[in-house]
């Protein structure tokens, strides 16, 4: 996800990066800035959960490197 009004990492740069990642899914959100994850945490979480739950969504091979690590509760 990217903020359309992000001056630190312009959405155009994020679009270029996503174009080179085969499994990328990019949402550019209007009227949002670099503070997108802080100001819209619930929206970000919901979109990530939706994308991750899509049938056939490829998983990164390193996703399961640490099966014995407990999930973090710090940010929940």
C-alpha atoms as a PDB file:
ATOM      1  CA  UNK A   1       0.000   0.000   0.000  1.00  0.00           C
ATOM      2  CA  UNK A   2       1.092   3.515  -0.658  1.00  0.00           C
ATOM      3  CA  UNK A   3      -0.213   6.943   0.149  1.00  0.00           C
ATOM      4  CA  UNK A   4      -1.012   8.955  -2.944  1.00  0.00           C
ATOM      5  CA  UNK A   5       0.288  12.109  -1.255  1.00  0.00           C
ATOM      6  CA  UNK A   6       3.439  10.565   0.268  1.00  0.00           C
ATOM      7  CA  UNK A   7       6.324  12.995  -0.222  1.00  0.00           C
ATOM      8  CA  UNK A   8       8.956  10.681   1.306  1.00  0.00           C
ATOM      9  CA  UNK A   9       8.352   7.671  -0.938  1.00  0.00           C
ATOM     10  CA  UNK A  10       6.284   8.824  -3.909  1.00  0.00           C
ATOM     11  CA  UNK A  11       3.583   6.442  -5.124  1.00  0.00           C
ATOM     12  CA  UNK A  12       5.273   6.399  -8.549  1.00  0.00           C
ATOM     13  CA  UNK A  13       8.341   4.755  -6.984  1.00  0.00           C
ATOM     14  CA  UNK A  14       6.187   2.188  -5.203  1.00  0.00           C
ATOM     15  CA  UNK A  15       4.407   1.422  -8.486  1.00  0.00           C
ATOM     16  CA  UNK A  16       7.781   0.819 -10.174  1.00  0.00           C
ATOM     17  CA  UNK A  17       8.830  -1.548  -7.411  1.00  0.00           C
ATOM     18  CA  UNK A  18       5.522  -3.441  -7.530  1.00  0.00           C
ATOM     19  CA  UNK A  19       5.848  -3.820 -11.296  1.00  0.00           C
ATOM     20  CA  UNK A  20       9.017  -5.875 -10.747  1.00  0.00           C
ATOM     21  CA  UNK A  21       7.566  -8.181  -8.074  1.00  0.00           C
ATOM     22  CA  UNK A  22       5.620 -11.057  -9.622  1.00  0.00           C
ATOM     23  CA  UNK A  23       3.154 -11.521  -6.753  1.00  0.00           C
ATOM     24  CA  UNK A  24       2.779  -7.861  -5.813  1.00  0.00           C
ATOM     25  CA  UNK A  25      -0.606  -6.363  -5.063  1.00  0.00           C
ATOM     26  CA  UNK A  26      -0.505  -2.584  -4.744  1.00  0.00           C
ATOM     27  CA  UNK A  27      -3.179  -0.240  -3.456  1.00  0.00           C
ATOM     28  CA  UNK A  28      -2.490   3.492  -3.730  1.00  0.00           C
ATOM     29  CA  UNK A  29      -4.828   5.193  -1.304  1.00  0.00           C
ATOM     30  CA  UNK A  30      -6.031   8.702  -2.139  1.00  0.00           C
ATOM     31  CA  UNK A  31      -5.511  11.609   0.258  1.00  0.00           C
ATOM     32  CA  UNK A  32      -2.979   9.677   2.357  1.00  0.00           C
ATOM     33  CA  UNK A  33       0.653  10.369   3.193  1.00  0.00           C
ATOM     34  CA  UNK A  34       3.685   8.540   4.564  1.00  0.00           C
ATOM     35  CA  UNK A  35       1.789   8.283   7.885  1.00  0.00           C
ATOM     36  CA  UNK A  36      -0.666   5.848   6.281  1.00  0.00           C
ATOM     37  CA  UNK A  37       0.197   2.890   8.578  1.00  0.00           C
ATOM     38  CA  UNK A  38      -0.120   5.047  11.697  1.00  0.00           C
ATOM     39  CA  UNK A  39      -3.265   6.959  10.829  1.00  0.00           C
ATOM     40  CA  UNK A  40      -5.114   4.099   9.139  1.00  0.00           C
ATOM     41  CA  UNK A  41      -3.855   0.987  10.957  1.00  0.00           C
ATOM     42  CA  UNK A  42      -7.234  -0.794  10.903  1.00  0.00           C
ATOM     43  CA  UNK A  43      -7.602  -0.229   7.160  1.00  0.00           C
ATOM     44  CA  UNK A  44      -4.077  -1.520   6.511  1.00  0.00           C
ATOM     45  CA  UNK A  45      -4.679  -4.625   8.649  1.00  0.00           C
ATOM     46  CA  UNK A  46      -7.984  -5.381   6.937  1.00  0.00           C
ATOM     47  CA  UNK A  47      -6.489  -5.073   3.456  1.00  0.00           C
ATOM     48  CA  UNK A  48      -3.485  -7.228   4.316  1.00  0.00           C
ATOM     49  CA  UNK A  49      -5.781  -9.898   5.807  1.00  0.00           C
ATOM     50  CA  UNK A  50      -7.986  -9.827   2.699  1.00  0.00           C
ATOM     51  CA  UNK A  51      -5.033 -10.173   0.337  1.00  0.00           C
ATOM     52  CA  UNK A  52      -3.428 -12.929   2.412  1.00  0.00           C
ATOM     53  CA  UNK A  53      -6.680 -14.903   2.442  1.00  0.00           C
ATOM     54  CA  UNK A  54      -7.111 -14.882  -1.339  1.00  0.00           C
ATOM     55  CA  UNK A  55      -7.211 -18.439  -2.706  1.00  0.00           C
ATOM     56  CA  UNK A  56      -4.082 -19.333  -4.641  1.00  0.00           C
ATOM     57  CA  UNK A  57      -2.155 -16.383  -3.232  1.00  0.00           C
ATOM     58  CA  UNK A  58       1.526 -17.349  -3.445  1.00  0.00           C
ATOM     59  CA  UNK A  59       3.447 -17.403  -0.194  1.00  0.00           C
ATOM     60  CA  UNK A  60       7.065 -16.414   0.122  1.00  0.00           C
ATOM     61  CA  UNK A  61       9.289 -19.478   0.645  1.00  0.00           C
ATOM     62  CA  UNK A  62      10.736 -17.953   3.819  1.00  0.00           C
ATOM     63  CA  UNK A  63       7.341 -17.465   5.493  1.00  0.00           C
ATOM     64  CA  UNK A  64       7.773 -20.570   7.618  1.00  0.00           C
ATOM     65  CA  UNK A  65      11.449 -20.307   8.608  1.00  0.00           C
ATOM     66  CA  UNK A  66      10.689 -19.813  12.289  1.00  0.00           C
ATOM     67  CA  UNK A  67       7.787 -22.128  13.167  1.00  0.00           C
ATOM     68  CA  UNK A  68       8.744 -22.208  16.854  1.00  0.00           C
ATOM     69  CA  UNK A  69       8.731 -18.436  17.252  1.00  0.00           C
ATOM     70  CA  UNK A  70       5.718 -17.191  19.207  1.00  0.00           C
ATOM     71  CA  UNK A  71       3.614 -14.564  17.466  1.00  0.00           C
ATOM     72  CA  UNK A  72       4.266 -11.017  18.588  1.00  0.00           C
ATOM     73  CA  UNK A  73       1.643  -9.485  20.847  1.00  0.00           C
ATOM     74  CA  UNK A  74       3.387  -6.139  21.073  1.00  0.00           C
ATOM     75  CA  UNK A  75       1.287  -4.474  18.372  1.00  0.00           C
ATOM     76  CA  UNK A  76      -2.008  -6.324  18.835  1.00  0.00           C
END
